[in-house]
Amino acid sequence: MQEISLYVIFKIARKRILPLIVTFVLAAAFAFSYCKFIATPIYGATASIIVTNGAVVATENASTSSGDKVLGSDIQASLLLADSVVDILRTADIYQSVADKLGRQDKTQYDYKSIMNHTTVVRRGEDTLFIDITFKDPDPYRAMKVANSFAEESSYYVKDFISKSSPKVVSKAHKATLVSPHTARTTLLVSFGATAVLFIVLLLIELFNNTVKGEEDFTSRYNIPVLGTIPDFEEARKVSSYRKGGYYK
């Protein structure tokens, strides 16, 4: 086995540059074609709610206290409440309620498990009262409709668990954005990944191949000077005939 060095790696890469380039181009073409013509596009729509305790009331423009000013203790209590609200909105019953509501509106049956599997409910940040509800679907209109319906239903659903809370929809989903596939990123990852795998295979084959292929190969493996080379007479006889005075074709 040859010793691995930057010189050996560079030498193998230069020697096998053509198959590496071909692999890169073919992998990129395959990934691009898959993303553009085969993969189903998925859209995501996000609606937002805010849930505070009873002392802080969510208005159209801001959160204000039921008194003359917002107290720090009320804000802190609302922040602690937000994590509990996220857990409440991840229970199965609200998804069933949303599916039933959408079914009555569209006169079609919605699967609450499908809605549950394609919905994410997360806080926008550790120090914020906003909770984002995102639904992903191949149909952008359906993604917006489910996200908005979930946000509206949550304002009633949370109060059943925490009667003193003040939930409110602060932002509806007005558009759905493409979330997958990411054509450019996927194309680059697949093309570089396929090329890297091929190069590793070629590198291992070269490292475990102990056949000496020539003077340059011999000197690169062994620190011994070459005094001369012996011609391959058997190979010469295959392509020429011997007569006195040497070989002739």
C-alpha atoms as a PDB file:
ATOM      1  CA  MET A   1       0.000   0.000   0.000  1.00  0.00           C
ATOM      2  CA  GLN A   2       1.313   3.420  -0.929  1.00  0.00           C
ATOM      3  CA  GLU A   3       1.758   6.110   1.672  1.00  0.00           C
ATOM      4  CA  ILE A   4      -0.945   8.794   1.491  1.00  0.00           C
ATOM      5  CA  SER A   5       0.342  12.297   0.849  1.00  0.00           C
ATOM      6  CA  LEU A   6      -0.875  15.458  -0.822  1.00  0.00           C
ATOM      7  CA  TYR A   7       1.358  14.681  -3.774  1.00  0.00           C
ATOM      8  CA  VAL A   8      -0.221  11.231  -4.221  1.00  0.00           C
ATOM      9  CA  ILE A   9      -3.737  12.675  -3.937  1.00  0.00           C
ATOM     10  CA  PHE A  10      -2.969  15.435  -6.439  1.00  0.00           C
ATOM     11  CA  LYS A  11      -1.328  12.956  -8.798  1.00  0.00           C
ATOM     12  CA  ILE A  12      -4.364  10.631  -8.750  1.00  0.00           C
ATOM     13  CA  ALA A  13      -6.759  13.561  -9.213  1.00  0.00           C
ATOM     14  CA  ARG A  14      -4.794  14.805 -12.223  1.00  0.00           C
ATOM     15  CA  LYS A  15      -4.593  11.319 -13.679  1.00  0.00           C
ATOM     16  CA  ARG A  16      -8.336  10.715 -13.300  1.00  0.00           C
ATOM     17  CA  ILE A  17      -9.531  14.244 -14.040  1.00  0.00           C
ATOM     18  CA  LEU A  18     -11.711  13.212 -16.995  1.00  0.00           C
ATOM     19  CA  PRO A  19     -13.920  10.633 -15.189  1.00  0.00           C
ATOM     20  CA  LEU A  20     -14.204  13.016 -12.241  1.00  0.00           C
ATOM     21  CA  ILE A  21     -15.441  15.838 -14.466  1.00  0.00           C
ATOM     22  CA  VAL A  22     -17.868  13.531 -16.282  1.00  0.00           C
ATOM     23  CA  THR A  23     -19.245  12.274 -12.957  1.00  0.00           C
ATOM     24  CA  PHE A  24     -19.697  15.833 -11.665  1.00  0.00           C
ATOM     25  CA  VAL A  25     -21.593  16.920 -14.787  1.00  0.00           C
ATOM     26  CA  LEU A  26     -23.820  13.831 -14.932  1.00  0.00           C
ATOM     27  CA  ALA A  27     -24.669  14.018 -11.214  1.00  0.00           C
ATOM     28  CA  ALA A  28     -25.470  17.724 -11.488  1.00  0.00           C
ATOM     29  CA  ALA A  29     -27.703  17.109 -14.510  1.00  0.00           C
ATOM     30  CA  PHE A  30     -29.531  14.290 -12.735  1.00  0.00           C
ATOM     31  CA  ALA A  31     -30.092  16.301  -9.537  1.00  0.00           C
ATOM     32  CA  PHE A  32     -31.251  19.389 -11.433  1.00  0.00           C
ATOM     33  CA  SER A  33     -33.653  17.356 -13.588  1.00  0.00           C
ATOM     34  CA  TYR A  34     -35.053  15.571 -10.542  1.00  0.00           C
ATOM     35  CA  CYS A  35     -35.723  18.832  -8.675  1.00  0.00           C
ATOM     36  CA  LYS A  36     -37.250  20.571 -11.695  1.00  0.00           C
ATOM     37  CA  PHE A  37     -39.292  17.823 -13.329  1.00  0.00           C
ATOM     38  CA  ILE A  38     -39.813  14.926 -10.886  1.00  0.00           C
ATOM     39  CA  ALA A  39     -39.848  16.126  -7.270  1.00  0.00           C
ATOM     40  CA  THR A  40     -43.157  17.450  -5.949  1.00  0.00           C
ATOM     41  CA  PRO A  41     -42.816  21.093  -4.839  1.00  0.00           C
ATOM     42  CA  ILE A  42     -43.787  21.732  -1.211  1.00  0.00           C
ATOM     43  CA  TYR A  43     -45.026  25.142  -0.041  1.00  0.00           C
ATOM     44  CA  GLY A  44     -45.101  26.484   3.492  1.00  0.00           C
ATOM     45  CA  ALA A  45     -47.454  29.107   4.944  1.00  0.00           C
ATOM     46  CA  THR A  46     -47.061  30.660   8.390  1.00  0.00           C
ATOM     47  CA  ALA A  47     -49.605  32.322  10.673  1.00  0.00           C
ATOM     48  CA  SER A  48     -48.712  33.800  14.065  1.00  0.00           C
ATOM     49  CA  ILE A  49     -50.484  34.149  17.389  1.00  0.00           C
ATOM     50  CA  ILE A  50     -49.609  35.827  20.664  1.00  0.00           C
ATOM     51  CA  VAL A  51     -50.711  34.500  24.051  1.00  0.00           C
ATOM     52  CA  THR A  52     -50.345  36.513  27.241  1.00  0.00           C
ATOM     53  CA  ASN A  53     -51.591  36.199  30.796  1.00  0.00           C
ATOM     54  CA  GLY A  54     -54.732  37.989  31.885  1.00  0.00           C
ATOM     55  CA  ALA A  55     -52.866  41.112  32.996  1.00  0.00           C
ATOM     56  CA  VAL A  56     -51.403  41.768  29.533  1.00  0.00           C
ATOM     57  CA  VAL A  57     -53.884  42.292  26.718  1.00  0.00           C
ATOM     58  CA  ALA A  58     -52.786  41.806  23.076  1.00  0.00           C
ATOM     59  CA  THR A  59     -54.001  44.656  20.853  1.00  0.00           C
ATOM     60  CA  GLU A  60     -53.569  45.283  17.128  1.00  0.00           C
ATOM     61  CA  ASN A  61     -50.337  47.229  17.593  1.00  0.00           C
ATOM     62  CA  ALA A  62     -48.800  46.003  20.845  1.00  0.00           C
ATOM     63  CA  SER A  63     -49.290  44.210  24.147  1.00  0.00           C
ATOM     64  CA  THR A  64     -50.537  46.503  26.910  1.00  0.00           C
ATOM     65  CA  SER A  65     -51.328  45.958  30.547  1.00  0.00           C
ATOM     66  CA  SER A  66     -54.863  45.994  31.848  1.00  0.00           C
ATOM     67  CA  GLY A  67     -53.632  48.792  34.119  1.00  0.00           C
ATOM     68  CA  ASP A  68     -51.825  51.997  33.204  1.00  0.00           C
ATOM     69  CA  LYS A  69     -48.528  50.327  32.307  1.00  0.00           C
ATOM     70  CA  VAL A  70     -46.985  47.005  31.473  1.00  0.00           C
ATOM     71  CA  LEU A  71     -45.334  45.411  34.490  1.00  0.00           C
ATOM     72  CA  GLY A  72     -42.180  43.378  34.163  1.00  0.00           C
ATOM     73  CA  SER A  73     -43.729  40.570  36.197  1.00  0.00           C
ATOM     74  CA  ASP A  74     -46.627  40.350  33.736  1.00  0.00           C
ATOM     75  CA  ILE A  75     -44.274  40.102  30.766  1.00  0.00           C
ATOM     76  CA  GLN A  76     -42.205  37.446  32.540  1.00  0.00           C
ATOM     77  CA  ALA A  77     -45.343  35.457  33.368  1.00  0.00           C
ATOM     78  CA  SER A  78     -46.450  35.681  29.740  1.00  0.00           C
ATOM     79  CA  LEU A  79     -43.051  34.450  28.543  1.00  0.00           C
ATOM     80  CA  LEU A  80     -43.274  31.441  30.849  1.00  0.00           C
ATOM     81  CA  LEU A  81     -46.799  30.827  29.595  1.00  0.00           C
ATOM     82  CA  ALA A  82     -45.687  30.684  25.948  1.00  0.00           C
ATOM     83  CA  ASP A  83     -43.899  27.329  26.313  1.00  0.00           C
ATOM     84  CA  SER A  84     -47.001  25.764  27.853  1.00  0.00           C
ATOM     85  CA  VAL A  85     -49.126  27.127  25.014  1.00  0.00           C
ATOM     86  CA  VAL A  86     -46.808  25.514  22.428  1.00  0.00           C
ATOM     87  CA  ASP A  87     -47.236  22.154  24.184  1.00  0.00           C
ATOM     88  CA  ILE A  88     -51.019  22.628  24.243  1.00  0.00           C
ATOM     89  CA  LEU A  89     -51.077  23.378  20.514  1.00  0.00           C
ATOM     90  CA  ARG A  90     -49.229  20.122  19.838  1.00  0.00           C
ATOM     91  CA  THR A  91     -51.966  17.930  21.290  1.00  0.00           C
ATOM     92  CA  ALA A  92     -54.080  15.857  18.915  1.00  0.00           C
ATOM     93  CA  ASP A  93     -57.468  17.364  19.752  1.00  0.00           C
ATOM     94  CA  ILE A  94     -56.807  20.737  18.122  1.00  0.00           C
ATOM     95  CA  TYR A  95     -55.791  19.042  14.877  1.00  0.00           C
ATOM     96  CA  GLN A  96     -59.047  17.121  14.924  1.00  0.00           C
ATOM     97  CA  SER A  97     -60.938  20.391  15.505  1.00  0.00           C
ATOM     98  CA  VAL A  98     -59.145  22.053  12.591  1.00  0.00           C
ATOM     99  CA  ALA A  99     -59.851  19.074  10.313  1.00  0.00           C
ATOM    100  CA  ASP A 100     -63.547  19.123  11.251  1.00  0.00           C
ATOM    101  CA  LYS A 101     -63.777  22.892  10.692  1.00  0.00           C
ATOM    102  CA  LEU A 102     -62.126  22.712   7.280  1.00  0.00           C
ATOM    103  CA  GLY A 103     -64.293  19.753   6.341  1.00  0.00           C
ATOM    104  CA  ARG A 104     -67.459  21.725   7.078  1.00  0.00           C
ATOM    105  CA  GLN A 105     -66.195  24.666   5.029  1.00  0.00           C
ATOM    106  CA  ASP A 106     -65.054  22.706   1.964  1.00  0.00           C
ATOM    107  CA  LYS A 107     -67.561  19.849   2.206  1.00  0.00           C
ATOM    108  CA  THR A 108     -64.595  17.459   2.017  1.00  0.00           C
ATOM    109  CA  GLN A 109     -62.945  15.237   4.576  1.00  0.00           C
ATOM    110  CA  TYR A 110     -59.608  16.301   6.077  1.00  0.00           C
ATOM    111  CA  ASP A 111     -57.302  13.827   7.806  1.00  0.00           C
ATOM    112  CA  TYR A 112     -56.231  15.289  11.142  1.00  0.00           C
ATOM    113  CA  LYS A 113     -53.170  13.020  11.254  1.00  0.00           C
ATOM    114  CA  SER A 114     -51.989  14.417   7.918  1.00  0.00           C
ATOM    115  CA  ILE A 115     -52.462  17.963   9.220  1.00  0.00           C
ATOM    116  CA  MET A 116     -50.577  17.036  12.377  1.00  0.00           C
ATOM    117  CA  ASN A 117     -47.640  15.556  10.459  1.00  0.00           C
ATOM    118  CA  HIS A 118     -47.267  18.633   8.244  1.00  0.00           C
ATOM    119  CA  THR A 119     -47.697  21.338  10.895  1.00  0.00           C
ATOM    120  CA  THR A 120     -44.984  22.853  13.072  1.00  0.00           C
ATOM    121  CA  VAL A 121     -45.711  25.010  16.125  1.00  0.00           C
ATOM    122  CA  VAL A 122     -42.716  26.878  17.538  1.00  0.00           C
ATOM    123  CA  ARG A 123     -41.929  30.019  19.468  1.00  0.00           C
ATOM    124  CA  ARG A 124     -40.325  32.697  17.347  1.00  0.00           C
ATOM    125  CA  GLY A 125     -37.595  33.117  19.964  1.00  0.00           C
ATOM    126  CA  GLU A 126     -36.808  32.610  23.630  1.00  0.00           C
ATOM    127  CA  ASP A 127     -37.634  36.223  24.532  1.00  0.00           C
ATOM    128  CA  THR A 128     -40.787  36.678  22.468  1.00  0.00           C
ATOM    129  CA  LEU A 129     -44.486  36.062  23.005  1.00  0.00           C
ATOM    130  CA  PHE A 130     -45.095  35.199  19.345  1.00  0.00           C
ATOM    131  CA  ILE A 131     -45.853  31.621  18.311  1.00  0.00           C
ATOM    132  CA  ASP A 132     -45.542  30.677  14.630  1.00  0.00           C
ATOM    133  CA  ILE A 133     -47.760  28.024  13.079  1.00  0.00           C
ATOM    134  CA  THR A 134     -46.484  26.666   9.743  1.00  0.00           C
ATOM    135  CA  PHE A 135     -48.265  24.191   7.493  1.00  0.00           C
ATOM    136  CA  LYS A 136     -46.591  22.566   4.470  1.00  0.00           C
ATOM    137  CA  ASP A 137     -48.463  21.211   1.471  1.00  0.00           C
ATOM    138  CA  PRO A 138     -48.024  20.771  -2.317  1.00  0.00           C
ATOM    139  CA  ASP A 139     -50.959  23.172  -2.788  1.00  0.00           C
ATOM    140  CA  PRO A 140     -49.977  26.739  -1.738  1.00  0.00           C
ATOM    141  CA  TYR A 141     -53.632  27.789  -1.302  1.00  0.00           C
ATOM    142  CA  ARG A 142     -54.296  24.799   0.967  1.00  0.00           C
ATOM    143  CA  ALA A 143     -51.144  25.594   2.985  1.00  0.00           C
ATOM    144  CA  MET A 144     -52.388  29.128   3.682  1.00  0.00           C
ATOM    145  CA  LYS A 145     -55.909  27.961   4.473  1.00  0.00           C
ATOM    146  CA  VAL A 146     -54.854  25.316   6.996  1.00  0.00           C
ATOM    147  CA  ALA A 147     -52.337  27.638   8.701  1.00  0.00           C
ATOM    148  CA  ASN A 148     -54.932  30.398   9.107  1.00  0.00           C
ATOM    149  CA  SER A 149     -57.604  27.969  10.283  1.00  0.00           C
ATOM    150  CA  PHE A 150     -55.217  26.511  12.867  1.00  0.00           C
ATOM    151  CA  ALA A 151     -54.318  29.985  14.164  1.00  0.00           C
ATOM    152  CA  GLU A 152     -57.988  30.953  14.511  1.00  0.00           C
ATOM    153  CA  GLU A 153     -58.881  27.705  16.253  1.00  0.00           C
ATOM    154  CA  SER A 154     -55.945  28.030  18.655  1.00  0.00           C
ATOM    155  CA  SER A 155     -57.306  31.268  20.102  1.00  0.00           C
ATOM    156  CA  TYR A 156     -60.328  29.340  21.404  1.00  0.00           C
ATOM    157  CA  TYR A 157     -58.543  26.095  22.152  1.00  0.00           C
ATOM    158  CA  VAL A 158     -55.944  27.628  24.490  1.00  0.00           C
ATOM    159  CA  LYS A 159     -58.582  29.330  26.644  1.00  0.00           C
ATOM    160  CA  ASP A 160     -60.137  25.931  27.387  1.00  0.00           C
ATOM    161  CA  PHE A 161     -56.896  24.977  29.124  1.00  0.00           C
ATOM    162  CA  ILE A 162     -55.855  28.363  30.537  1.00  0.00           C
ATOM    163  CA  SER A 163     -58.947  30.474  31.134  1.00  0.00           C
ATOM    164  CA  LYS A 164     -56.987  33.578  32.206  1.00  0.00           C
ATOM    165  CA  SER A 165     -54.878  33.643  29.041  1.00  0.00           C
ATOM    166  CA  SER A 166     -55.370  36.166  26.254  1.00  0.00           C
ATOM    167  CA  PRO A 167     -54.677  34.488  22.871  1.00  0.00           C
ATOM    168  CA  LYS A 168     -54.933  36.491  19.664  1.00  0.00           C
ATOM    169  CA  VAL A 169     -54.104  35.998  15.979  1.00  0.00           C
ATOM    170  CA  VAL A 170     -51.576  38.708  15.094  1.00  0.00           C
ATOM    171  CA  SER A 171     -50.544  37.635  11.600  1.00  0.00           C
ATOM    172  CA  LYS A 172     -52.375  35.560   9.006  1.00  0.00           C
ATOM    173  CA  ALA A 173     -50.702  33.668   6.180  1.00  0.00           C
ATOM    174  CA  HIS A 174     -51.115  35.787   3.038  1.00  0.00           C
ATOM    175  CA  LYS A 175     -48.669  33.835   0.885  1.00  0.00           C
ATOM    176  CA  ALA A 176     -46.988  30.452   0.690  1.00  0.00           C
ATOM    177  CA  THR A 177     -43.306  30.110  -0.139  1.00  0.00           C
ATOM    178  CA  LEU A 178     -41.490  27.187  -1.730  1.00  0.00           C
ATOM    179  CA  VAL A 179     -39.692  25.197   0.963  1.00  0.00           C
ATOM    180  CA  SER A 180     -38.563  22.204  -1.101  1.00  0.00           C
ATOM    181  CA  PRO A 181     -36.906  21.112  -3.225  1.00  0.00           C
ATOM    182  CA  HIS A 182     -33.924  23.473  -3.027  1.00  0.00           C
ATOM    183  CA  THR A 183     -32.706  23.053  -6.594  1.00  0.00           C
ATOM    184  CA  ALA A 184     -29.377  24.875  -6.366  1.00  0.00           C
ATOM    185  CA  ARG A 185     -28.339  23.386  -3.028  1.00  0.00           C
ATOM    186  CA  THR A 186     -29.429  19.870  -3.967  1.00  0.00           C
ATOM    187  CA  THR A 187     -27.618  20.041  -7.310  1.00  0.00           C
ATOM    188  CA  LEU A 188     -24.371  21.136  -5.679  1.00  0.00           C
ATOM    189  CA  LEU A 189     -24.556  18.561  -2.881  1.00  0.00           C
ATOM    190  CA  VAL A 190     -25.302  15.662  -5.227  1.00  0.00           C
ATOM    191  CA  SER A 191     -22.658  16.609  -7.792  1.00  0.00           C
ATOM    192  CA  PHE A 192     -19.895  17.175  -5.245  1.00  0.00           C
ATOM    193  CA  GLY A 193     -20.959  14.096  -3.265  1.00  0.00           C
ATOM    194  CA  ALA A 194     -20.892  11.807  -6.294  1.00  0.00           C
ATOM    195  CA  THR A 195     -17.518  13.178  -7.388  1.00  0.00           C
ATOM    196  CA  ALA A 196     -16.096  12.741  -3.880  1.00  0.00           C
ATOM    197  CA  VAL A 197     -17.292   9.123  -3.710  1.00  0.00           C
ATOM    198  CA  LEU A 198     -15.736   8.322  -7.083  1.00  0.00           C
ATOM    199  CA  PHE A 199     -12.456   9.969  -6.100  1.00  0.00           C
ATOM    200  CA  ILE A 200     -12.306   7.991  -2.834  1.00  0.00           C
ATOM    201  CA  VAL A 201     -12.863   4.752  -4.751  1.00  0.00           C
ATOM    202  CA  LEU A 202     -10.148   5.628  -7.272  1.00  0.00           C
ATOM    203  CA  LEU A 203      -7.813   6.644  -4.453  1.00  0.00           C
ATOM    204  CA  LEU A 204      -8.284   3.339  -2.620  1.00  0.00           C
ATOM    205  CA  ILE A 205      -7.751   1.349  -5.817  1.00  0.00           C
ATOM    206  CA  GLU A 206      -4.548   3.245  -6.527  1.00  0.00           C
ATOM    207  CA  LEU A 207      -3.230   2.946  -2.966  1.00  0.00           C
ATOM    208  CA  PHE A 208      -3.794  -0.809  -2.755  1.00  0.00           C
ATOM    209  CA  ASN A 209      -2.407  -1.480  -6.241  1.00  0.00           C
ATOM    210  CA  ASN A 210       1.221  -2.592  -5.746  1.00  0.00           C
ATOM    211  CA  THR A 211       1.990  -3.044  -9.438  1.00  0.00           C
ATOM    212  CA  VAL A 212       4.977  -0.963 -10.611  1.00  0.00           C
ATOM    213  CA  LYS A 213       3.963   0.565 -13.926  1.00  0.00           C
ATOM    214  CA  GLY A 214       7.131   2.382 -14.916  1.00  0.00           C
ATOM    215  CA  GLU A 215      10.249   4.255 -13.916  1.00  0.00           C
ATOM    216  CA  GLU A 216       8.314   7.215 -12.511  1.00  0.00           C
ATOM    217  CA  ASP A 217       6.110   4.913 -10.464  1.00  0.00           C
ATOM    218  CA  PHE A 218       9.183   3.068  -9.132  1.00  0.00           C
ATOM    219  CA  THR A 219      11.038   6.198  -8.051  1.00  0.00           C
ATOM    220  CA  SER A 220       7.920   7.631  -6.395  1.00  0.00           C
ATOM    221  CA  ARG A 221       7.584   4.515  -4.217  1.00  0.00           C
ATOM    222  CA  TYR A 222      11.188   3.656  -3.437  1.00  0.00           C
ATOM    223  CA  ASN A 223      14.112   5.887  -2.632  1.00  0.00           C
ATOM    224  CA  ILE A 224      16.439   3.993  -4.987  1.00  0.00           C
ATOM    225  CA  PRO A 225      18.123   5.447  -8.096  1.00  0.00           C
ATOM    226  CA  VAL A 226      17.369   3.825 -11.462  1.00  0.00           C
ATOM    227  CA  LEU A 227      20.518   2.755 -13.324  1.00  0.00           C
ATOM    228  CA  GLY A 228      18.721   1.553 -16.444  1.00  0.00           C
ATOM    229  CA  THR A 229      15.738  -0.256 -17.865  1.00  0.00           C
ATOM    230  CA  ILE A 230      15.452  -3.681 -19.489  1.00  0.00           C
ATOM    231  CA  PRO A 231      13.234  -3.846 -22.588  1.00  0.00           C
ATOM    232  CA  ASP A 232      10.419  -6.357 -22.783  1.00  0.00           C
ATOM    233  CA  PHE A 233      11.680  -8.772 -25.489  1.00  0.00           C
ATOM    234  CA  GLU A 234       8.527 -10.870 -25.418  1.00  0.00           C
ATOM    235  CA  GLU A 235       6.432  -7.832 -26.215  1.00  0.00           C
ATOM    236  CA  ALA A 236       8.844  -6.824 -28.957  1.00  0.00           C
ATOM    237  CA  ARG A 237       8.536 -10.217 -30.677  1.00  0.00           C
ATOM    238  CA  LYS A 238       4.783  -9.785 -30.906  1.00  0.00           C
ATOM    239  CA  VAL A 239       5.084  -6.721 -33.110  1.00  0.00           C
ATOM    240  CA  SER A 240       8.341  -7.375 -35.012  1.00  0.00           C
ATOM    241  CA  SER A 241      10.541 -10.147 -36.415  1.00  0.00           C
ATOM    242  CA  TYR A 242      14.184 -10.679 -35.455  1.00  0.00           C
ATOM    243  CA  ARG A 243      16.940 -10.840 -38.031  1.00  0.00           C
ATOM    244  CA  LYS A 244      20.659 -10.407 -37.827  1.00  0.00           C
ATOM    245  CA  GLY A 245      21.352  -6.806 -37.183  1.00  0.00           C
ATOM    246  CA  GLY A 246      18.259  -6.252 -35.054  1.00  0.00           C
ATOM    247  CA  TYR A 247      14.515  -6.166 -35.304  1.00  0.00           C
ATOM    248  CA  TYR A 248      12.434  -5.031 -38.199  1.00  0.00           C
ATOM    249  CA  LYS A 249       8.700  -4.545 -38.641  1.00  0.00           C
END
